[in-house]
């Protein structure tokens, strides 16, 4: 019997394998072929009857911007939801994007309330909340109205959650209470990363 990990873990492309050059946001043809094989194993003829023996580039375009790790999460979600029929493209893309709670992180509402009310000595519940709060700016969180600060925090928190899903280390200055949760980074590295995220966030502000 095949282990679930064999169905849901997409291998990293081998450096020696020839691949078509793709944009950073586009999944490789190898990843799409792997997705097709695993979906066929999960859903059998129902998958191929609905979508064919191989992708005609519709799914590759529709999944643009996702990582192989996120695709793997979507495959796991397909198995866990116990639905005998394969998902549509929009449904599968949604399954590839877990909520904060799915990742073991505080929910958006709780995270925003914590960030908006945190004082200088606050012991953060999770490093993801701290990193998102720093990206928005503590001054902004305390002084902007909720209709302006919440969208900024929601965007930042979404970015942090995606980083967590991709297995990236959350790098930020270590605040009180997070010494065992966060891997410290060089101050100049953190400052540069936070500044870039802050510029992107405020560029999207209403």
N, C-alpha and C. Protein backbone atom coordinates (compact mmCIF):
# COMPACT_ATOMS: atom_id res chain seq x y z
N UNK A 1 0.84 -1.20 0.00
CA UNK A 1 0.00 0.00 0.00
C UNK A 1 0.88 1.25 0.00
N UNK A 2 0.48 2.21 -0.79
CA UNK A 2 1.28 3.42 -0.92
C UNK A 2 1.09 4.33 0.28
N UNK A 3 2.19 4.84 0.82
CA UNK A 3 2.12 5.77 1.96
C UNK A 3 1.62 7.11 1.46
N UNK A 4 0.89 7.83 2.32
CA UNK A 4 0.33 9.13 1.92
C UNK A 4 1.40 10.10 1.47
N UNK A 5 2.61 9.99 2.06
CA UNK A 5 3.68 10.92 1.69
C UNK A 5 4.10 10.74 0.24
N UNK A 6 3.92 9.53 -0.30
CA UNK A 6 4.29 9.30 -1.70
C UNK A 6 3.31 9.97 -2.64
N UNK A 7 2.11 10.25 -2.15
CA UNK A 7 1.11 10.90 -2.97
C UNK A 7 1.16 12.41 -2.85
N UNK A 8 1.64 12.89 -1.71
CA UNK A 8 1.53 14.32 -1.44
C UNK A 8 2.84 15.09 -1.49
N UNK A 9 3.98 14.41 -1.49
CA UNK A 9 5.27 15.10 -1.51
C UNK A 9 5.80 15.17 -2.92
N UNK A 10 5.97 16.38 -3.43
CA UNK A 10 6.50 16.58 -4.76
C UNK A 10 8.02 16.67 -4.68
N UNK A 11 8.76 15.87 -5.48
CA UNK A 11 10.21 15.92 -5.40
C UNK A 11 10.78 17.21 -5.94
N UNK A 12 11.94 17.59 -5.41
CA UNK A 12 12.63 18.77 -5.92
C UNK A 12 13.23 18.44 -7.27
N UNK A 13 13.15 19.37 -8.24
CA UNK A 13 13.70 19.09 -9.56
C UNK A 13 15.19 18.80 -9.48
N UNK A 14 15.64 17.78 -10.19
CA UNK A 14 17.07 17.47 -10.24
C UNK A 14 17.77 18.49 -11.12
N UNK A 15 18.94 18.91 -10.69
CA UNK A 15 19.65 19.96 -11.42
C UNK A 15 20.05 19.51 -12.81
N UNK A 16 20.23 18.18 -13.00
CA UNK A 16 20.67 17.68 -14.29
C UNK A 16 19.52 17.44 -15.25
N UNK A 17 18.29 17.47 -14.76
CA UNK A 17 17.14 17.19 -15.62
C UNK A 17 16.81 18.41 -16.47
N UNK A 18 16.67 18.23 -17.80
CA UNK A 18 16.34 19.37 -18.66
C UNK A 18 14.93 19.85 -18.38
N UNK A 19 14.77 21.16 -18.23
CA UNK A 19 13.46 21.74 -18.00
C UNK A 19 13.31 23.01 -18.82
N UNK A 20 12.05 23.28 -19.15
CA UNK A 20 11.77 24.52 -19.85
C UNK A 20 11.95 25.68 -18.89
N UNK A 21 12.60 26.74 -19.33
CA UNK A 21 12.78 27.92 -18.48
C UNK A 21 11.42 28.51 -18.16
N UNK A 22 11.17 28.81 -16.89
CA UNK A 22 9.88 29.34 -16.49
C UNK A 22 10.09 30.59 -15.65
N UNK A 23 9.02 31.35 -15.54
CA UNK A 23 9.08 32.53 -14.69
C UNK A 23 9.08 32.08 -13.24
N UNK A 24 9.54 32.91 -12.30
CA UNK A 24 9.58 32.50 -10.90
C UNK A 24 8.22 32.10 -10.34
N UNK A 25 7.14 32.68 -10.89
CA UNK A 25 5.81 32.42 -10.35
C UNK A 25 5.14 31.22 -11.01
N UNK A 26 5.79 30.60 -11.96
CA UNK A 26 5.15 29.52 -12.72
C UNK A 26 5.69 28.16 -12.31
N UNK A 27 4.79 27.22 -12.04
CA UNK A 27 5.21 25.87 -11.69
C UNK A 27 5.83 25.20 -12.91
N UNK A 28 6.87 24.42 -12.68
CA UNK A 28 7.56 23.76 -13.79
C UNK A 28 6.70 22.66 -14.39
N UNK A 29 7.02 22.26 -15.61
CA UNK A 29 6.29 21.18 -16.27
C UNK A 29 6.47 19.87 -15.51
N UNK A 30 7.63 19.69 -14.90
CA UNK A 30 7.86 18.48 -14.12
C UNK A 30 6.94 18.43 -12.90
N UNK A 31 6.77 19.59 -12.23
CA UNK A 31 5.87 19.64 -11.08
C UNK A 31 4.44 19.36 -11.51
N UNK A 32 4.02 19.90 -12.66
CA UNK A 32 2.66 19.66 -13.14
C UNK A 32 2.46 18.20 -13.51
N UNK A 33 3.47 17.57 -14.13
CA UNK A 33 3.36 16.16 -14.48
C UNK A 33 3.24 15.32 -13.21
N UNK A 34 3.99 15.70 -12.18
CA UNK A 34 3.93 14.99 -10.91
C UNK A 34 2.55 15.16 -10.27
N UNK A 35 2.02 16.38 -10.33
CA UNK A 35 0.68 16.64 -9.79
C UNK A 35 -0.34 15.76 -10.50
N UNK A 36 -0.22 15.65 -11.81
CA UNK A 36 -1.17 14.86 -12.60
C UNK A 36 -1.11 13.38 -12.19
N UNK A 37 0.10 12.85 -12.01
CA UNK A 37 0.24 11.45 -11.62
C UNK A 37 -0.38 11.20 -10.25
N UNK A 38 -0.16 12.12 -9.32
CA UNK A 38 -0.69 11.91 -7.98
C UNK A 38 -2.20 12.07 -7.93
N UNK A 39 -2.74 13.01 -8.68
CA UNK A 39 -4.18 13.17 -8.73
C UNK A 39 -4.84 11.94 -9.37
N UNK A 40 -4.16 11.36 -10.35
CA UNK A 40 -4.69 10.16 -10.99
C UNK A 40 -4.70 8.99 -10.01
N UNK A 41 -3.67 8.91 -9.16
CA UNK A 41 -3.62 7.84 -8.15
C UNK A 41 -4.69 8.04 -7.08
N UNK A 42 -4.97 9.30 -6.77
CA UNK A 42 -5.95 9.59 -5.73
C UNK A 42 -7.38 9.39 -6.23
N UNK A 43 -7.68 9.90 -7.44
CA UNK A 43 -9.05 9.90 -7.94
C UNK A 43 -9.31 8.92 -9.08
N UNK A 44 -8.27 8.28 -9.58
CA UNK A 44 -8.45 7.31 -10.65
C UNK A 44 -8.99 7.92 -11.93
N UNK A 45 -9.90 7.16 -12.59
CA UNK A 45 -10.40 7.61 -13.89
C UNK A 45 -11.24 8.87 -13.79
N UNK A 46 -11.75 9.17 -12.59
CA UNK A 46 -12.54 10.39 -12.43
C UNK A 46 -11.69 11.62 -12.71
N UNK A 47 -10.41 11.54 -12.38
CA UNK A 47 -9.52 12.68 -12.66
C UNK A 47 -9.25 12.81 -14.15
N UNK A 48 -8.83 11.72 -14.77
CA UNK A 48 -8.48 11.78 -16.19
C UNK A 48 -9.71 12.02 -17.06
N UNK A 49 -10.88 11.52 -16.62
CA UNK A 49 -12.10 11.76 -17.39
C UNK A 49 -12.46 13.24 -17.37
N UNK A 50 -12.18 13.89 -16.23
CA UNK A 50 -12.53 15.31 -16.10
C UNK A 50 -11.50 16.22 -16.74
N UNK A 51 -10.20 15.85 -16.63
CA UNK A 51 -9.15 16.80 -17.02
C UNK A 51 -8.14 16.26 -18.04
N UNK A 52 -8.32 15.03 -18.45
CA UNK A 52 -7.42 14.49 -19.47
C UNK A 52 -6.20 13.81 -18.89
N UNK A 53 -5.39 13.23 -19.78
CA UNK A 53 -4.20 12.49 -19.37
C UNK A 53 -3.04 13.41 -18.98
N UNK A 54 -3.10 14.66 -19.38
CA UNK A 54 -2.06 15.62 -19.03
C UNK A 54 -2.62 17.03 -19.09
N UNK A 55 -1.95 17.94 -18.43
CA UNK A 55 -2.41 19.32 -18.39
C UNK A 55 -2.21 20.00 -19.74
N UNK A 56 -3.19 20.77 -20.16
CA UNK A 56 -3.08 21.53 -21.42
C UNK A 56 -2.59 22.95 -21.15
N UNK A 57 -2.02 23.15 -19.97
CA UNK A 57 -1.48 24.42 -19.45
C UNK A 57 -2.52 25.25 -18.69
N UNK A 58 -3.79 24.79 -18.71
CA UNK A 58 -4.82 25.51 -17.96
C UNK A 58 -4.52 25.50 -16.47
N UNK A 59 -4.19 24.33 -15.92
CA UNK A 59 -3.90 24.23 -14.50
C UNK A 59 -2.57 24.89 -14.16
N UNK A 60 -1.61 24.79 -15.05
CA UNK A 60 -0.32 25.43 -14.79
C UNK A 60 -0.49 26.94 -14.66
N UNK A 61 -1.30 27.52 -15.53
CA UNK A 61 -1.57 28.96 -15.45
C UNK A 61 -2.42 29.28 -14.22
N UNK A 62 -3.39 28.42 -13.94
CA UNK A 62 -4.30 28.66 -12.82
C UNK A 62 -3.64 28.55 -11.46
N UNK A 63 -2.55 27.78 -11.39
CA UNK A 63 -1.84 27.61 -10.12
C UNK A 63 -0.60 28.51 -10.03
N UNK A 64 -0.49 29.43 -10.95
CA UNK A 64 0.64 30.36 -10.95
C UNK A 64 0.77 31.06 -9.60
N UNK A 65 1.99 31.14 -9.10
CA UNK A 65 2.24 31.80 -7.84
C UNK A 65 2.33 30.87 -6.65
N UNK A 66 1.86 29.62 -6.80
CA UNK A 66 1.97 28.65 -5.71
C UNK A 66 3.32 27.95 -5.76
N UNK A 67 3.75 27.44 -4.62
CA UNK A 67 5.01 26.69 -4.54
C UNK A 67 4.72 25.20 -4.55
N UNK A 68 5.72 24.35 -4.85
CA UNK A 68 5.52 22.90 -4.76
C UNK A 68 5.05 22.48 -3.37
N UNK A 69 5.51 23.16 -2.31
CA UNK A 69 5.07 22.84 -0.95
C UNK A 69 3.58 23.08 -0.79
N UNK A 70 3.09 24.17 -1.37
CA UNK A 70 1.66 24.46 -1.30
C UNK A 70 0.85 23.44 -2.10
N UNK A 71 1.39 23.02 -3.25
CA UNK A 71 0.72 21.99 -4.03
C UNK A 71 0.62 20.70 -3.22
N UNK A 72 1.70 20.37 -2.51
CA UNK A 72 1.69 19.19 -1.65
C UNK A 72 0.63 19.30 -0.57
N UNK A 73 0.45 20.49 -0.01
CA UNK A 73 -0.58 20.70 1.00
C UNK A 73 -1.96 20.48 0.38
N UNK A 74 -2.15 20.95 -0.84
CA UNK A 74 -3.43 20.75 -1.52
C UNK A 74 -3.72 19.29 -1.76
N UNK A 75 -2.70 18.51 -2.12
CA UNK A 75 -2.89 17.07 -2.31
C UNK A 75 -3.30 16.40 -1.00
N UNK A 76 -2.65 16.78 0.09
CA UNK A 76 -3.01 16.24 1.40
C UNK A 76 -4.45 16.59 1.74
N UNK A 77 -4.86 17.83 1.45
CA UNK A 77 -6.22 18.27 1.73
C UNK A 77 -7.23 17.48 0.92
N UNK A 78 -6.88 17.12 -0.32
CA UNK A 78 -7.78 16.32 -1.16
C UNK A 78 -8.07 14.97 -0.51
N UNK A 79 -7.03 14.37 0.08
CA UNK A 79 -7.20 13.07 0.72
C UNK A 79 -7.99 13.19 2.01
N UNK A 80 -7.69 14.20 2.80
CA UNK A 80 -8.32 14.34 4.11
C UNK A 80 -9.80 14.72 4.03
N UNK A 81 -10.20 15.39 2.96
CA UNK A 81 -11.59 15.82 2.91
C UNK A 81 -12.52 14.69 2.49
N UNK A 82 -11.96 13.54 2.07
CA UNK A 82 -12.75 12.33 1.79
C UNK A 82 -13.84 12.57 0.75
N UNK A 83 -13.56 13.41 -0.23
CA UNK A 83 -14.51 13.69 -1.31
C UNK A 83 -14.12 12.81 -2.50
N UNK A 84 -15.03 11.94 -2.99
CA UNK A 84 -14.65 11.02 -4.07
C UNK A 84 -14.43 11.68 -5.42
N UNK A 85 -14.97 12.87 -5.62
CA UNK A 85 -14.81 13.54 -6.90
C UNK A 85 -13.68 14.56 -6.83
N UNK A 86 -12.90 14.68 -7.88
CA UNK A 86 -11.77 15.62 -7.87
C UNK A 86 -12.24 17.06 -7.81
N UNK A 87 -11.43 17.94 -7.24
CA UNK A 87 -11.82 19.35 -7.15
C UNK A 87 -11.68 20.06 -8.49
N UNK A 88 -12.39 21.16 -8.63
CA UNK A 88 -12.17 22.03 -9.78
C UNK A 88 -10.86 22.78 -9.55
N UNK A 89 -10.39 23.47 -10.57
CA UNK A 89 -9.16 24.25 -10.44
C UNK A 89 -9.27 25.30 -9.33
N UNK A 90 -10.34 26.12 -9.28
CA UNK A 90 -10.44 27.10 -8.18
C UNK A 90 -10.50 26.42 -6.82
N UNK A 91 -11.21 25.29 -6.72
CA UNK A 91 -11.29 24.57 -5.45
C UNK A 91 -9.92 24.07 -5.01
N UNK A 92 -9.16 23.52 -5.96
CA UNK A 92 -7.85 22.99 -5.60
C UNK A 92 -6.91 24.11 -5.19
N UNK A 93 -6.95 25.23 -5.88
CA UNK A 93 -6.09 26.35 -5.49
C UNK A 93 -6.41 26.79 -4.07
N UNK A 94 -7.70 26.81 -3.72
CA UNK A 94 -8.09 27.18 -2.37
C UNK A 94 -7.57 26.16 -1.35
N UNK A 95 -7.58 24.87 -1.70
CA UNK A 95 -7.08 23.83 -0.80
C UNK A 95 -5.58 23.96 -0.58
N UNK A 96 -4.88 24.58 -1.53
CA UNK A 96 -3.43 24.75 -1.42
C UNK A 96 -3.05 25.92 -0.51
N UNK A 97 -4.03 26.70 -0.10
CA UNK A 97 -3.76 27.88 0.72
C UNK A 97 -4.40 27.68 2.08
N UNK A 98 -3.68 27.10 3.03
CA UNK A 98 -4.27 26.84 4.35
C UNK A 98 -4.48 28.12 5.14
N UNK A 99 -5.38 28.06 6.09
CA UNK A 99 -5.59 29.18 6.99
C UNK A 99 -4.48 29.19 8.04
N UNK A 100 -4.42 30.28 8.78
CA UNK A 100 -3.42 30.35 9.86
C UNK A 100 -3.62 29.22 10.86
N UNK A 101 -4.88 28.92 11.18
CA UNK A 101 -5.18 27.86 12.13
C UNK A 101 -4.68 26.50 11.63
N UNK A 102 -4.78 26.27 10.31
CA UNK A 102 -4.29 25.02 9.73
C UNK A 102 -2.81 24.84 9.97
N UNK A 103 -2.09 25.95 10.04
CA UNK A 103 -0.64 25.90 10.25
C UNK A 103 -0.26 25.93 11.72
N UNK A 104 -1.28 25.91 12.60
CA UNK A 104 -0.99 25.97 14.03
C UNK A 104 -0.68 27.38 14.51
N UNK A 105 -1.07 28.38 13.73
CA UNK A 105 -0.84 29.78 14.09
C UNK A 105 -2.12 30.39 14.63
N UNK A 106 -2.03 31.50 15.35
CA UNK A 106 -3.25 32.19 15.79
C UNK A 106 -4.08 32.63 14.59
N UNK A 107 -5.39 32.62 14.73
CA UNK A 107 -6.25 33.10 13.66
C UNK A 107 -6.04 34.57 13.40
N UNK A 108 -6.50 35.05 12.24
CA UNK A 108 -6.27 36.44 11.87
C UNK A 108 -6.85 37.41 12.89
N UNK A 109 -8.08 37.18 13.34
CA UNK A 109 -8.71 38.09 14.29
C UNK A 109 -7.89 38.19 15.58
N UNK A 110 -7.51 37.03 16.11
CA UNK A 110 -6.74 37.01 17.37
C UNK A 110 -5.37 37.66 17.17
N UNK A 111 -4.75 37.37 16.02
CA UNK A 111 -3.42 37.93 15.75
C UNK A 111 -3.48 39.45 15.63
N UNK A 112 -4.51 39.95 14.94
CA UNK A 112 -4.63 41.40 14.78
C UNK A 112 -4.89 42.08 16.12
N UNK A 113 -5.77 41.51 16.92
CA UNK A 113 -6.05 42.10 18.23
C UNK A 113 -4.77 42.14 19.08
N UNK A 114 -4.02 41.07 19.04
CA UNK A 114 -2.78 41.03 19.82
C UNK A 114 -1.81 42.09 19.35
N UNK A 115 -1.62 42.19 18.03
CA UNK A 115 -0.67 43.15 17.48
C UNK A 115 -1.09 44.59 17.77
N UNK A 116 -2.39 44.87 17.64
CA UNK A 116 -2.88 46.23 17.82
C UNK A 116 -2.82 46.68 19.28
N UNK A 117 -2.82 45.73 20.21
CA UNK A 117 -2.85 46.08 21.63
C UNK A 117 -1.54 45.79 22.35
N UNK A 118 -0.52 45.35 21.63
CA UNK A 118 0.74 44.98 22.26
C UNK A 118 1.48 46.21 22.76
N UNK A 119 2.06 46.09 23.95
CA UNK A 119 2.89 47.17 24.47
C UNK A 119 4.36 46.74 24.40
N UNK A 120 5.24 47.57 24.90
CA UNK A 120 6.67 47.33 24.77
C UNK A 120 7.12 46.04 25.44
N UNK A 121 6.46 45.62 26.51
CA UNK A 121 6.88 44.43 27.23
C UNK A 121 6.06 43.20 26.88
N UNK A 122 5.32 43.25 25.77
CA UNK A 122 4.40 42.17 25.43
C UNK A 122 5.14 40.86 25.13
N UNK A 123 4.64 39.75 25.68
CA UNK A 123 5.17 38.42 25.36
C UNK A 123 4.32 37.84 24.24
N UNK A 124 4.86 37.81 23.04
CA UNK A 124 4.08 37.44 21.86
C UNK A 124 3.70 35.97 21.87
N UNK A 125 2.49 35.69 21.40
CA UNK A 125 1.98 34.32 21.39
C UNK A 125 2.68 33.45 20.34
N UNK A 126 3.15 34.08 19.27
CA UNK A 126 3.81 33.34 18.20
C UNK A 126 4.69 34.31 17.41
N UNK A 127 5.85 33.86 16.94
CA UNK A 127 6.72 34.76 16.18
C UNK A 127 6.08 35.31 14.92
N UNK A 128 5.15 34.55 14.32
CA UNK A 128 4.50 35.04 13.10
C UNK A 128 3.73 36.33 13.36
N UNK A 129 3.10 36.42 14.52
CA UNK A 129 2.34 37.63 14.85
C UNK A 129 3.29 38.81 15.02
N UNK A 130 4.42 38.56 15.67
CA UNK A 130 5.40 39.61 15.89
C UNK A 130 5.99 40.12 14.55
N UNK A 131 6.37 39.19 13.69
CA UNK A 131 6.97 39.57 12.40
C UNK A 131 6.00 40.39 11.58
N UNK A 132 4.72 39.98 11.54
CA UNK A 132 3.72 40.72 10.78
C UNK A 132 3.50 42.11 11.38
N UNK A 133 3.47 42.19 12.71
CA UNK A 133 3.28 43.48 13.37
C UNK A 133 4.45 44.42 13.07
N UNK A 134 5.67 43.89 13.09
CA UNK A 134 6.83 44.72 12.79
C UNK A 134 6.82 45.18 11.34
N UNK A 135 6.33 44.32 10.44
CA UNK A 135 6.28 44.69 9.02
C UNK A 135 5.33 45.86 8.80
N UNK A 136 4.20 45.86 9.49
CA UNK A 136 3.25 46.96 9.37
C UNK A 136 3.78 48.21 10.08
N UNK A 137 4.34 47.99 11.27
CA UNK A 137 4.82 49.10 12.08
C UNK A 137 3.96 49.26 13.32
N UNK A 138 4.57 49.24 14.49
CA UNK A 138 3.80 49.35 15.72
C UNK A 138 3.12 50.71 15.84
N UNK A 139 3.75 51.77 15.34
CA UNK A 139 3.13 53.09 15.38
C UNK A 139 1.84 53.09 14.55
N UNK A 140 1.91 52.50 13.36
CA UNK A 140 0.74 52.45 12.49
C UNK A 140 -0.39 51.64 13.13
N UNK A 141 -0.03 50.50 13.73
CA UNK A 141 -1.05 49.66 14.36
C UNK A 141 -1.75 50.38 15.51
N UNK A 142 -1.02 51.21 16.22
CA UNK A 142 -1.61 51.90 17.37
C UNK A 142 -2.38 53.17 16.97
N UNK A 143 -2.01 53.78 15.86
CA UNK A 143 -2.55 55.11 15.54
C UNK A 143 -3.48 55.16 14.33
N UNK A 144 -3.35 54.22 13.40
CA UNK A 144 -4.27 54.21 12.27
C UNK A 144 -5.61 53.66 12.70
N UNK A 145 -6.67 54.06 12.02
CA UNK A 145 -7.98 53.47 12.30
C UNK A 145 -7.97 52.01 11.86
N UNK A 146 -8.88 51.23 12.43
CA UNK A 146 -8.89 49.80 12.14
C UNK A 146 -9.11 49.52 10.66
N UNK A 147 -9.94 50.32 9.99
CA UNK A 147 -10.20 50.07 8.58
C UNK A 147 -8.97 50.30 7.71
N UNK A 148 -7.95 50.98 8.25
CA UNK A 148 -6.71 51.17 7.51
C UNK A 148 -5.61 50.21 7.99
N UNK A 149 -5.55 49.98 9.30
CA UNK A 149 -4.46 49.13 9.81
C UNK A 149 -4.72 47.65 9.62
N UNK A 150 -5.97 47.23 9.70
CA UNK A 150 -6.25 45.80 9.59
C UNK A 150 -5.89 45.24 8.22
N UNK A 151 -6.25 45.91 7.10
CA UNK A 151 -5.84 45.37 5.79
C UNK A 151 -4.32 45.24 5.66
N UNK A 152 -3.58 46.20 6.23
CA UNK A 152 -2.13 46.11 6.19
C UNK A 152 -1.63 44.90 6.96
N UNK A 153 -2.20 44.69 8.15
CA UNK A 153 -1.79 43.55 8.96
C UNK A 153 -2.22 42.25 8.31
N UNK A 154 -3.41 42.21 7.74
CA UNK A 154 -3.90 40.98 7.09
C UNK A 154 -2.97 40.56 5.95
N UNK A 155 -2.52 41.54 5.18
CA UNK A 155 -1.60 41.24 4.08
C UNK A 155 -0.27 40.74 4.62
N UNK A 156 0.25 41.41 5.64
CA UNK A 156 1.54 41.00 6.21
C UNK A 156 1.44 39.61 6.83
N UNK A 157 0.35 39.36 7.55
CA UNK A 157 0.19 38.07 8.22
C UNK A 157 0.03 36.94 7.19
N UNK A 158 -0.63 37.25 6.08
CA UNK A 158 -0.75 36.27 5.01
C UNK A 158 0.60 35.89 4.43
N UNK A 159 1.47 36.89 4.26
CA UNK A 159 2.81 36.64 3.75
C UNK A 159 3.59 35.76 4.72
N UNK A 160 3.49 36.07 6.01
CA UNK A 160 4.20 35.30 7.02
C UNK A 160 3.70 33.86 7.06
N UNK A 161 2.39 33.68 6.94
CA UNK A 161 1.82 32.32 6.94
C UNK A 161 2.32 31.52 5.73
N UNK A 162 2.44 32.18 4.59
CA UNK A 162 2.96 31.49 3.41
C UNK A 162 4.42 31.10 3.62
N UNK A 163 5.17 31.97 4.28
CA UNK A 163 6.57 31.64 4.58
C UNK A 163 6.64 30.43 5.50
N UNK A 164 5.72 30.38 6.47
CA UNK A 164 5.70 29.25 7.40
C UNK A 164 5.37 27.96 6.65
N UNK A 165 4.41 28.01 5.72
CA UNK A 165 4.04 26.84 4.94
C UNK A 165 5.19 26.35 4.09
N UNK A 166 5.97 27.30 3.56
CA UNK A 166 7.11 26.94 2.71
C UNK A 166 8.29 26.43 3.52
N UNK A 167 8.17 26.44 4.85
CA UNK A 167 9.24 25.94 5.70
C UNK A 167 10.35 26.93 5.93
N UNK A 168 10.11 28.20 5.63
CA UNK A 168 11.14 29.21 5.82
C UNK A 168 11.25 29.59 7.29
N UNK A 169 12.44 29.97 7.70
CA UNK A 169 12.66 30.42 9.08
C UNK A 169 12.15 31.85 9.21
N UNK A 170 11.39 32.11 10.28
CA UNK A 170 10.90 33.47 10.53
C UNK A 170 12.01 34.26 11.19
N UNK A 171 12.64 35.14 10.42
CA UNK A 171 13.76 35.92 10.95
C UNK A 171 13.28 37.29 11.40
N UNK A 172 13.60 37.63 12.62
CA UNK A 172 13.24 38.93 13.18
C UNK A 172 14.03 39.11 14.45
N UNK A 173 14.22 40.37 14.90
CA UNK A 173 14.86 40.58 16.21
C UNK A 173 14.08 39.82 17.26
N UNK A 174 14.76 39.19 18.18
CA UNK A 174 14.10 38.36 19.17
C UNK A 174 13.50 39.21 20.28
N UNK A 175 12.17 39.32 20.37
CA UNK A 175 11.55 40.09 21.44
C UNK A 175 11.37 39.23 22.68
N UNK A 176 10.95 39.83 23.76
CA UNK A 176 10.76 39.13 25.02
C UNK A 176 9.77 37.98 24.85
N UNK A 177 10.14 36.81 25.33
CA UNK A 177 9.23 35.68 25.30
C UNK A 177 9.35 34.81 24.08
N UNK A 178 10.20 35.19 23.08
CA UNK A 178 10.29 34.41 21.86
C UNK A 178 11.66 33.80 21.64
N UNK A 179 12.51 33.82 22.66
CA UNK A 179 13.88 33.35 22.47
C UNK A 179 13.95 31.93 21.94
N UNK A 180 12.99 31.09 22.34
CA UNK A 180 13.02 29.69 21.92
C UNK A 180 12.24 29.44 20.64
N UNK A 181 11.58 30.49 20.14
CA UNK A 181 10.73 30.31 18.98
C UNK A 181 11.32 30.88 17.71
N UNK A 182 12.15 31.89 17.82
CA UNK A 182 12.65 32.60 16.65
C UNK A 182 14.15 32.41 16.52
N UNK A 183 14.61 32.19 15.28
CA UNK A 183 16.03 32.14 15.01
C UNK A 183 16.51 33.55 14.68
N UNK A 184 17.41 34.14 15.48
CA UNK A 184 17.83 35.53 15.25
C UNK A 184 18.53 35.71 13.90
N UNK A 185 18.38 36.86 13.33
CA UNK A 185 19.06 37.20 12.10
C UNK A 185 19.90 38.44 12.34
N UNK A 186 20.82 38.72 11.42
CA UNK A 186 21.63 39.92 11.54
C UNK A 186 20.72 41.15 11.48
N UNK A 187 20.96 42.15 12.30
CA UNK A 187 20.09 43.33 12.34
C UNK A 187 19.91 43.97 10.97
N UNK A 188 21.00 44.06 10.19
CA UNK A 188 20.88 44.71 8.88
C UNK A 188 20.02 43.90 7.92
N UNK A 189 20.06 42.56 8.05
CA UNK A 189 19.23 41.70 7.21
C UNK A 189 17.77 41.88 7.55
N UNK A 190 17.47 41.89 8.84
CA UNK A 190 16.09 42.07 9.29
C UNK A 190 15.56 43.43 8.88
N UNK A 191 16.37 44.47 9.08
CA UNK A 191 15.93 45.83 8.76
C UNK A 191 15.59 45.95 7.27
N UNK A 192 16.44 45.37 6.42
CA UNK A 192 16.19 45.45 4.98
C UNK A 192 14.93 44.71 4.58
N UNK A 193 14.73 43.51 5.14
CA UNK A 193 13.55 42.71 4.80
C UNK A 193 12.27 43.38 5.27
N UNK A 194 12.29 43.91 6.49
CA UNK A 194 11.11 44.58 7.02
C UNK A 194 10.78 45.84 6.25
N UNK A 195 11.80 46.57 5.84
CA UNK A 195 11.57 47.80 5.08
C UNK A 195 10.93 47.51 3.73
N UNK A 196 11.42 46.46 3.07
CA UNK A 196 10.83 46.09 1.77
C UNK A 196 9.37 45.68 1.92
N UNK A 197 9.09 44.88 2.97
CA UNK A 197 7.70 44.45 3.19
C UNK A 197 6.83 45.64 3.54
N UNK A 198 7.37 46.56 4.35
CA UNK A 198 6.59 47.73 4.76
C UNK A 198 6.25 48.61 3.55
N UNK A 199 7.22 48.78 2.64
CA UNK A 199 6.97 49.57 1.44
C UNK A 199 5.88 48.94 0.58
N UNK A 200 5.94 47.60 0.46
CA UNK A 200 4.93 46.91 -0.33
C UNK A 200 3.55 47.04 0.30
N UNK A 201 3.50 46.92 1.62
CA UNK A 201 2.24 47.00 2.32
C UNK A 201 1.61 48.38 2.20
N UNK A 202 2.39 49.42 2.44
CA UNK A 202 1.84 50.77 2.41
C UNK A 202 1.54 51.22 0.98
N UNK A 203 2.18 50.55 0.02
CA UNK A 203 1.84 50.86 -1.37
C UNK A 203 0.46 50.36 -1.75
N UNK A 204 -0.05 49.39 -0.94
CA UNK A 204 -1.38 48.83 -1.20
C UNK A 204 -2.43 49.43 -0.29
N UNK A 205 -2.05 50.37 0.57
CA UNK A 205 -3.00 50.94 1.52
C UNK A 205 -4.05 51.74 0.78
N UNK A 206 -5.29 51.74 1.29
CA UNK A 206 -6.37 52.50 0.62
C UNK A 206 -6.16 53.99 0.75
